[in-house]
Amino acid sequence: MAATEVLMIIVIVGAALVTVGMCVAVIVASVATTAAVRQEEWLRTLKRPAPSRLAEFVRAVLGVYVRRMDSGPDEHRPEEGPPWHLRSNGPTQR
Protein backbone atom coordinates (compact mmCIF):
# COMPACT_ATOMS: atom_id res chain seq x y z
CA MET A 1 0.00 0.00 0.00
CA ALA A 2 1.12 3.47 -0.68
CA ALA A 3 1.49 6.08 2.04
CA THR A 4 -1.39 8.13 0.63
CA GLU A 5 -3.75 5.15 0.85
CA VAL A 6 -2.84 4.58 4.49
CA LEU A 7 -3.30 8.28 5.23
CA MET A 8 -6.73 8.26 3.57
CA ILE A 9 -7.79 5.20 5.60
CA ILE A 10 -6.66 6.93 8.81
CA VAL A 11 -8.58 10.09 7.92
CA ILE A 12 -11.75 8.14 7.08
CA VAL A 13 -11.58 6.06 10.26
CA GLY A 14 -10.91 9.21 12.32
CA ALA A 15 -13.88 11.00 10.77
CA ALA A 16 -16.08 7.97 11.42
CA LEU A 17 -15.00 7.84 15.08
CA VAL A 18 -15.68 11.56 15.53
CA THR A 19 -19.12 11.16 13.95
CA VAL A 20 -20.01 8.19 16.15
CA GLY A 21 -18.74 10.04 19.22
CA MET A 22 -20.86 13.09 18.44
CA CYS A 23 -23.95 10.92 17.89
CA VAL A 24 -23.40 9.17 21.21
CA ALA A 25 -22.95 12.54 22.96
CA VAL A 26 -26.23 13.84 21.51
CA ILE A 27 -28.09 10.69 22.57
CA VAL A 28 -26.65 10.83 26.10
CA ALA A 29 -27.52 14.54 26.39
CA SER A 30 -31.07 13.88 25.17
CA VAL A 31 -31.60 11.04 27.65
CA ALA A 32 -30.15 13.11 30.53
CA THR A 33 -32.33 16.09 29.65
CA THR A 34 -35.43 13.92 29.39
CA ALA A 35 -34.74 12.29 32.75
CA ALA A 36 -34.08 15.62 34.47
CA VAL A 37 -37.17 17.30 32.99
CA ARG A 38 -39.39 14.39 34.03
CA GLN A 39 -37.95 14.58 37.54
CA GLU A 40 -38.52 18.34 37.69
CA GLU A 41 -42.11 18.01 36.47
CA TRP A 42 -42.88 15.09 38.78
CA LEU A 43 -41.61 16.96 41.86
CA ARG A 44 -42.74 20.40 40.62
CA THR A 45 -39.43 21.98 41.59
CA LEU A 46 -38.79 24.64 38.95
CA LYS A 47 -39.28 27.41 41.53
CA ARG A 48 -36.99 25.71 44.06
CA PRO A 49 -33.43 24.40 43.92
CA ALA A 50 -32.84 21.38 41.71
CA PRO A 51 -33.66 18.00 43.31
CA SER A 52 -30.56 16.20 41.99
CA ARG A 53 -27.16 16.85 40.48
CA LEU A 54 -28.41 15.73 37.09
CA ALA A 55 -31.27 18.23 37.20
CA GLU A 56 -28.87 20.93 38.40
CA PHE A 57 -26.49 20.19 35.51
CA VAL A 58 -29.29 20.20 32.93
CA ARG A 59 -30.60 23.50 34.31
CA ALA A 60 -27.14 25.00 33.93
CA VAL A 61 -26.77 23.70 30.36
CA LEU A 62 -30.23 24.89 29.33
CA GLY A 63 -29.90 28.23 31.12
CA VAL A 64 -32.80 27.75 33.52
CA TYR A 65 -32.03 29.28 36.89
CA VAL A 66 -34.07 29.73 40.04
CA ARG A 67 -34.77 33.38 40.74
CA ARG A 68 -36.05 34.75 44.02
CA MET A 69 -39.64 35.88 43.69
CA ASP A 70 -38.97 39.30 45.28
CA SER A 71 -36.21 40.18 42.80
CA GLY A 72 -37.04 41.35 39.35
CA PRO A 73 -35.79 43.57 36.56
CA ASP A 74 -37.30 46.74 38.13
CA GLU A 75 -35.80 46.14 41.56
CA HIS A 76 -33.04 48.72 41.08
CA ARG A 77 -35.30 51.52 39.80
CA PRO A 78 -38.79 51.09 41.19
CA GLU A 79 -39.78 54.69 40.40
CA GLU A 80 -39.11 54.29 36.68
CA GLY A 81 -41.49 52.48 34.40
CA PRO A 82 -40.65 50.39 31.39
CA PRO A 83 -39.19 52.24 28.39
CA TRP A 84 -42.37 51.95 26.33
CA HIS A 85 -44.16 54.13 28.90
CA LEU A 86 -41.86 57.10 28.31
CA ARG A 87 -43.67 60.10 26.94
CA SER A 88 -42.20 63.00 25.07
CA ASN A 89 -42.88 66.62 25.94
CA GLY A 90 -44.27 67.17 22.49
CA PRO A 91 -42.84 69.24 19.67
CA THR A 92 -40.61 72.08 20.77
CA GLN A 93 -41.05 75.59 19.39
CA ARG A 94 -38.21 77.99 18.66
C-alpha atoms as a PDB file:
ATOM      1  CA  MET A   1       0.000   0.000   0.000  1.00  0.00           C
ATOM      2  CA  ALA A   2       1.123   3.475  -0.682  1.00  0.00           C
ATOM      3  CA  ALA A   3       1.486   6.080   2.035  1.00  0.00           C
ATOM      4  CA  THR A   4      -1.387   8.127   0.628  1.00  0.00           C
ATOM      5  CA  GLU A   5      -3.754   5.155   0.855  1.00  0.00           C
ATOM      6  CA  VAL A   6      -2.840   4.583   4.488  1.00  0.00           C
ATOM      7  CA  LEU A   7      -3.296   8.279   5.226  1.00  0.00           C
ATOM      8  CA  MET A   8      -6.731   8.257   3.572  1.00  0.00           C
ATOM      9  CA  ILE A   9      -7.794   5.204   5.596  1.00  0.00           C
ATOM     10  CA  ILE A  10      -6.658   6.927   8.814  1.00  0.00           C
ATOM     11  CA  VAL A  11      -8.584  10.086   7.915  1.00  0.00           C
ATOM     12  CA  ILE A  12     -11.755   8.139   7.076  1.00  0.00           C
ATOM     13  CA  VAL A  13     -11.579   6.061  10.264  1.00  0.00           C
ATOM     14  CA  GLY A  14     -10.911   9.207  12.317  1.00  0.00           C
ATOM     15  CA  ALA A  15     -13.880  11.003  10.772  1.00  0.00           C
ATOM     16  CA  ALA A  16     -16.084   7.966  11.420  1.00  0.00           C
ATOM     17  CA  LEU A  17     -15.002   7.843  15.079  1.00  0.00           C
ATOM     18  CA  VAL A  18     -15.683  11.558  15.528  1.00  0.00           C
ATOM     19  CA  THR A  19     -19.123  11.159  13.951  1.00  0.00           C
ATOM     20  CA  VAL A  20     -20.009   8.193  16.152  1.00  0.00           C
ATOM     21  CA  GLY A  21     -18.737  10.036  19.223  1.00  0.00           C
ATOM     22  CA  MET A  22     -20.859  13.085  18.442  1.00  0.00           C
ATOM     23  CA  CYS A  23     -23.954  10.923  17.889  1.00  0.00           C
ATOM     24  CA  VAL A  24     -23.400   9.166  21.214  1.00  0.00           C
ATOM     25  CA  ALA A  25     -22.950  12.539  22.962  1.00  0.00           C
ATOM     26  CA  VAL A  26     -26.233  13.838  21.506  1.00  0.00           C
ATOM     27  CA  ILE A  27     -28.087  10.688  22.566  1.00  0.00           C
ATOM     28  CA  VAL A  28     -26.646  10.833  26.098  1.00  0.00           C
ATOM     29  CA  ALA A  29     -27.516  14.541  26.393  1.00  0.00           C
ATOM     30  CA  SER A  30     -31.070  13.877  25.172  1.00  0.00           C
ATOM     31  CA  VAL A  31     -31.597  11.040  27.650  1.00  0.00           C
ATOM     32  CA  ALA A  32     -30.147  13.111  30.526  1.00  0.00           C
ATOM     33  CA  THR A  33     -32.328  16.094  29.648  1.00  0.00           C
ATOM     34  CA  THR A  34     -35.435  13.918  29.388  1.00  0.00           C
ATOM     35  CA  ALA A  35     -34.738  12.286  32.754  1.00  0.00           C
ATOM     36  CA  ALA A  36     -34.080  15.620  34.469  1.00  0.00           C
ATOM     37  CA  VAL A  37     -37.172  17.298  32.986  1.00  0.00           C
ATOM     38  CA  ARG A  38     -39.392  14.386  34.027  1.00  0.00           C
ATOM     39  CA  GLN A  39     -37.945  14.580  37.537  1.00  0.00           C
ATOM     40  CA  GLU A  40     -38.521  18.339  37.694  1.00  0.00           C
ATOM     41  CA  GLU A  41     -42.110  18.008  36.468  1.00  0.00           C
ATOM     42  CA  TRP A  42     -42.880  15.092  38.776  1.00  0.00           C
ATOM     43  CA  LEU A  43     -41.611  16.957  41.855  1.00  0.00           C
ATOM     44  CA  ARG A  44     -42.742  20.400  40.624  1.00  0.00           C
ATOM     45  CA  THR A  45     -39.427  21.975  41.593  1.00  0.00           C
ATOM     46  CA  LEU A  46     -38.789  24.638  38.954  1.00  0.00           C
ATOM     47  CA  LYS A  47     -39.284  27.409  41.527  1.00  0.00           C
ATOM     48  CA  ARG A  48     -36.992  25.715  44.055  1.00  0.00           C
ATOM     49  CA  PRO A  49     -33.431  24.399  43.920  1.00  0.00           C
ATOM     50  CA  ALA A  50     -32.842  21.376  41.715  1.00  0.00           C
ATOM     51  CA  PRO A  51     -33.656  18.000  43.307  1.00  0.00           C
ATOM     52  CA  SER A  52     -30.557  16.200  41.992  1.00  0.00           C
ATOM     53  CA  ARG A  53     -27.159  16.852  40.482  1.00  0.00           C
ATOM     54  CA  LEU A  54     -28.412  15.729  37.086  1.00  0.00           C
ATOM     55  CA  ALA A  55     -31.273  18.226  37.202  1.00  0.00           C
ATOM     56  CA  GLU A  56     -28.867  20.927  38.400  1.00  0.00           C
ATOM     57  CA  PHE A  57     -26.489  20.191  35.505  1.00  0.00           C
ATOM     58  CA  VAL A  58     -29.291  20.195  32.931  1.00  0.00           C
ATOM     59  CA  ARG A  59     -30.598  23.496  34.310  1.00  0.00           C
ATOM     60  CA  ALA A  60     -27.141  25.005  33.926  1.00  0.00           C
ATOM     61  CA  VAL A  61     -26.772  23.702  30.364  1.00  0.00           C
ATOM     62  CA  LEU A  62     -30.233  24.889  29.325  1.00  0.00           C
ATOM     63  CA  GLY A  63     -29.896  28.227  31.119  1.00  0.00           C
ATOM     64  CA  VAL A  64     -32.796  27.749  33.524  1.00  0.00           C
ATOM     65  CA  TYR A  65     -32.026  29.279  36.890  1.00  0.00           C
ATOM     66  CA  VAL A  66     -34.071  29.732  40.041  1.00  0.00           C
ATOM     67  CA  ARG A  67     -34.769  33.377  40.738  1.00  0.00           C
ATOM     68  CA  ARG A  68     -36.050  34.753  44.020  1.00  0.00           C
ATOM     69  CA  MET A  69     -39.640  35.883  43.695  1.00  0.00           C
ATOM     70  CA  ASP A  70     -38.971  39.302  45.277  1.00  0.00           C
ATOM     71  CA  SER A  71     -36.213  40.178  42.803  1.00  0.00           C
ATOM     72  CA  GLY A  72     -37.038  41.353  39.347  1.00  0.00           C
ATOM     73  CA  PRO A  73     -35.793  43.570  36.561  1.00  0.00           C
ATOM     74  CA  ASP A  74     -37.299  46.735  38.125  1.00  0.00           C
ATOM     75  CA  GLU A  75     -35.800  46.139  41.564  1.00  0.00           C
ATOM     76  CA  HIS A  76     -33.043  48.725  41.083  1.00  0.00           C
ATOM     77  CA  ARG A  77     -35.302  51.523  39.795  1.00  0.00           C
ATOM     78  CA  PRO A  78     -38.790  51.087  41.190  1.00  0.00           C
ATOM     79  CA  GLU A  79     -39.783  54.689  40.404  1.00  0.00           C
ATOM     80  CA  GLU A  80     -39.111  54.294  36.682  1.00  0.00           C
ATOM     81  CA  GLY A  81     -41.489  52.483  34.403  1.00  0.00           C
ATOM     82  CA  PRO A  82     -40.655  50.389  31.387  1.00  0.00           C
ATOM     83  CA  PRO A  83     -39.191  52.239  28.390  1.00  0.00           C
ATOM     84  CA  TRP A  84     -42.372  51.950  26.327  1.00  0.00           C
ATOM     85  CA  HIS A  85     -44.157  54.131  28.901  1.00  0.00           C
ATOM     86  CA  LEU A  86     -41.863  57.102  28.311  1.00  0.00           C
ATOM     87  CA  ARG A  87     -43.669  60.096  26.938  1.00  0.00           C
ATOM     88  CA  SER A  88     -42.195  63.001  25.072  1.00  0.00           C
ATOM     89  CA  ASN A  89     -42.877  66.623  25.942  1.00  0.00           C
ATOM     90  CA  GLY A  90     -44.271  67.166  22.493  1.00  0.00           C
ATOM     91  CA  PRO A  91     -42.844  69.238  19.674  1.00  0.00           C
ATOM     92  CA  THR A  92     -40.611  72.085  20.766  1.00  0.00           C
ATOM     93  CA  GLN A  93     -41.048  75.591  19.394  1.00  0.00           C
ATOM     94  CA  ARG A  94     -38.207  77.989  18.664  1.00  0.00           C
END
